Amino acid sequence: MEKDVVAKFFDVDFDSLMINPVEIWHRLCSSI
């Protein structure tokens, strides 16, 4: 599943990100 690939790429729990979009923002900012 594509979502699984994304989750593995970011090394995070995809379900948790869906609940906490702020976490996505922090991880994206820290990865830049």
PDB file of N, CA and C in Angstrom:
ATOM      1  N   MET A   1       0.846  -1.196   0.000  1.00  0.00           N
ATOM      2  CA  MET A   1       0.000   0.000   0.000  1.00  0.00           C
ATOM      3  C   MET A   1       0.882   1.247   0.000  1.00  0.00           C
ATOM      4  N   GLU A   2       0.482   2.245  -0.746  1.00  0.00           N
ATOM      5  CA  GLU A   2       1.293   3.451  -0.867  1.00  0.00           C
ATOM      6  C   GLU A   2       1.465   4.154   0.482  1.00  0.00           C
ATOM      7  N   LYS A   3       0.429   4.151   1.276  1.00  0.00           N
ATOM      8  CA  LYS A   3       0.503   4.807   2.585  1.00  0.00           C
ATOM      9  C   LYS A   3       1.575   4.150   3.449  1.00  0.00           C
ATOM     10  N   ASP A   4       1.702   2.833   3.338  1.00  0.00           N
ATOM     11  CA  ASP A   4       2.709   2.119   4.116  1.00  0.00           C
ATOM     12  C   ASP A   4       4.105   2.563   3.707  1.00  0.00           C
ATOM     13  N   VAL A   5       4.291   2.777   2.408  1.00  0.00           N
ATOM     14  CA  VAL A   5       5.588   3.219   1.910  1.00  0.00           C
ATOM     15  C   VAL A   5       5.918   4.601   2.461  1.00  0.00           C
ATOM     16  N   VAL A   6       4.924   5.463   2.464  1.00  0.00           N
ATOM     17  CA  VAL A   6       5.119   6.817   2.991  1.00  0.00           C
ATOM     18  C   VAL A   6       5.447   6.763   4.480  1.00  0.00           C
ATOM     19  N   ALA A   7       4.719   5.927   5.197  1.00  0.00           N
ATOM     20  CA  ALA A   7       4.934   5.810   6.630  1.00  0.00           C
ATOM     21  C   ALA A   7       6.349   5.310   6.921  1.00  0.00           C
ATOM     22  N   LYS A   8       6.800   4.341   6.122  1.00  0.00           N
ATOM     23  CA  LYS A   8       8.143   3.806   6.319  1.00  0.00           C
ATOM     24  C   LYS A   8       9.193   4.855   5.953  1.00  0.00           C
ATOM     25  N   PHE A   9       8.889   5.647   4.929  1.00  0.00           N
ATOM     26  CA  PHE A   9       9.824   6.677   4.488  1.00  0.00           C
ATOM     27  C   PHE A   9      10.051   7.705   5.593  1.00  0.00           C
ATOM     28  N   PHE A  10       8.977   8.101   6.245  1.00  0.00           N
ATOM     29  CA  PHE A  10       9.080   9.084   7.321  1.00  0.00           C
ATOM     30  C   PHE A  10       9.360   8.422   8.660  1.00  0.00           C
ATOM     31  N   ASP A  11       9.314   7.075   8.669  1.00  0.00           N
ATOM     32  CA  ASP A  11       9.562   6.309   9.894  1.00  0.00           C
ATOM     33  C   ASP A  11       8.601   6.744  11.004  1.00  0.00           C
ATOM     34  N   VAL A  12       7.323   6.799  10.674  1.00  0.00           N
ATOM     35  CA  VAL A  12       6.320   7.212  11.648  1.00  0.00           C
ATOM     36  C   VAL A  12       5.081   6.345  11.532  1.00  0.00           C
ATOM     37  N   ASP A  13       4.222   6.463  12.505  1.00  0.00           N
ATOM     38  CA  ASP A  13       2.954   5.736  12.466  1.00  0.00           C
ATOM     39  C   ASP A  13       1.951   6.576  11.694  1.00  0.00           C
ATOM     40  N   PHE A  14       1.572   6.100  10.506  1.00  0.00           N
ATOM     41  CA  PHE A  14       0.695   6.873   9.627  1.00  0.00           C
ATOM     42  C   PHE A  14      -0.617   7.229  10.333  1.00  0.00           C
ATOM     43  N   ASP A  15      -1.150   6.309  11.111  1.00  0.00           N
ATOM     44  CA  ASP A  15      -2.418   6.567  11.806  1.00  0.00           C
ATOM     45  C   ASP A  15      -2.257   7.729  12.782  1.00  0.00           C
ATOM     46  N   SER A  16      -1.110   7.792  13.440  1.00  0.00           N
ATOM     47  CA  SER A  16      -0.867   8.865  14.402  1.00  0.00           C
ATOM     48  C   SER A  16      -0.802  10.209  13.690  1.00  0.00           C
ATOM     49  N   LEU A  17      -0.223  10.192  12.490  1.00  0.00           N
ATOM     50  CA  LEU A  17      -0.113  11.436  11.734  1.00  0.00           C
ATOM     51  C   LEU A  17      -1.492  11.936  11.311  1.00  0.00           C
ATOM     52  N   MET A  18      -2.375  11.010  10.983  1.00  0.00           N
ATOM     53  CA  MET A  18      -3.731  11.389  10.575  1.00  0.00           C
ATOM     54  C   MET A  18      -4.438  12.085  11.743  1.00  0.00           C
ATOM     55  N   ILE A  19      -4.115  11.646  12.953  1.00  0.00           N
ATOM     56  CA  ILE A  19      -4.742  12.223  14.146  1.00  0.00           C
ATOM     57  C   ILE A  19      -4.048  13.532  14.527  1.00  0.00           C
ATOM     58  N   ASN A  20      -2.743  13.602  14.263  1.00  0.00           N
ATOM     59  CA  ASN A  20      -1.976  14.777  14.665  1.00  0.00           C
ATOM     60  C   ASN A  20      -1.219  15.369  13.487  1.00  0.00           C
ATOM     61  N   PRO A  21      -1.893  16.168  12.654  1.00  0.00           N
ATOM     62  CA  PRO A  21      -1.257  16.769  11.479  1.00  0.00           C
ATOM     63  C   PRO A  21      -0.104  17.697  11.856  1.00  0.00           C
ATOM     64  N   VAL A  22      -0.123  18.213  13.068  1.00  0.00           N
ATOM     65  CA  VAL A  22       0.962  19.092  13.523  1.00  0.00           C
ATOM     66  C   VAL A  22       2.274  18.327  13.544  1.00  0.00           C
ATOM     67  N   GLU A  23       2.193  17.053  13.891  1.00  0.00           N
ATOM     68  CA  GLU A  23       3.383  16.195  13.907  1.00  0.00           C
ATOM     69  C   GLU A  23       3.966  16.106  12.507  1.00  0.00           C
ATOM     70  N   ILE A  24       3.098  16.038  11.503  1.00  0.00           N
ATOM     71  CA  ILE A  24       3.568  15.981  10.113  1.00  0.00           C
ATOM     72  C   ILE A  24       4.354  17.253   9.800  1.00  0.00           C
ATOM     73  N   TRP A  25       3.820  18.388  10.199  1.00  0.00           N
ATOM     74  CA  TRP A  25       4.453  19.678   9.920  1.00  0.00           C
ATOM     75  C   TRP A  25       5.839  19.735  10.557  1.00  0.00           C
ATOM     76  N   HIS A  26       5.934  19.321  11.824  1.00  0.00           N
ATOM     77  CA  HIS A  26       7.217  19.360  12.518  1.00  0.00           C
ATOM     78  C   HIS A  26       8.233  18.448  11.846  1.00  0.00           C
ATOM     79  N   ARG A  27       7.795  17.271  11.439  1.00  0.00           N
ATOM     80  CA  ARG A  27       8.716  16.317  10.812  1.00  0.00           C
ATOM     81  C   ARG A  27       9.163  16.814   9.437  1.00  0.00           C
ATOM     82  N   LEU A  28       8.237  17.422   8.697  1.00  0.00           N
ATOM     83  CA  LEU A  28       8.600  17.951   7.385  1.00  0.00           C
ATOM     84  C   LEU A  28       9.583  19.109   7.533  1.00  0.00           C
ATOM     85  N   CYS A  29       9.339  19.961   8.509  1.00  0.00           N
ATOM     86  CA  CYS A  29      10.225  21.110   8.727  1.00  0.00           C
ATOM     87  C   CYS A  29      11.611  20.645   9.166  1.00  0.00           C
ATOM     88  N   SER A  30      11.669  19.641  10.011  1.00  0.00           N
ATOM     89  CA  SER A  30      12.954  19.153  10.510  1.00  0.00           C
ATOM     90  C   SER A  30      13.715  18.394   9.437  1.00  0.00           C
ATOM     91  N   SER A  31      12.994  17.886   8.427  1.00  0.00           N
ATOM     92  CA  SER A  31      13.654  17.112   7.372  1.00  0.00           C
ATOM     93  C   SER A  31      14.264  18.026   6.303  1.00  0.00           C
ATOM     94  N   ILE A  32      13.832  19.285   6.281  1.00  0.00           N
ATOM     95  CA  ILE A  32      14.347  20.219   5.273  1.00  0.00           C
ATOM     96  C   ILE A  32      15.749  20.688   5.658  1.00  0.00           C
TER      97      ILE A  32
END
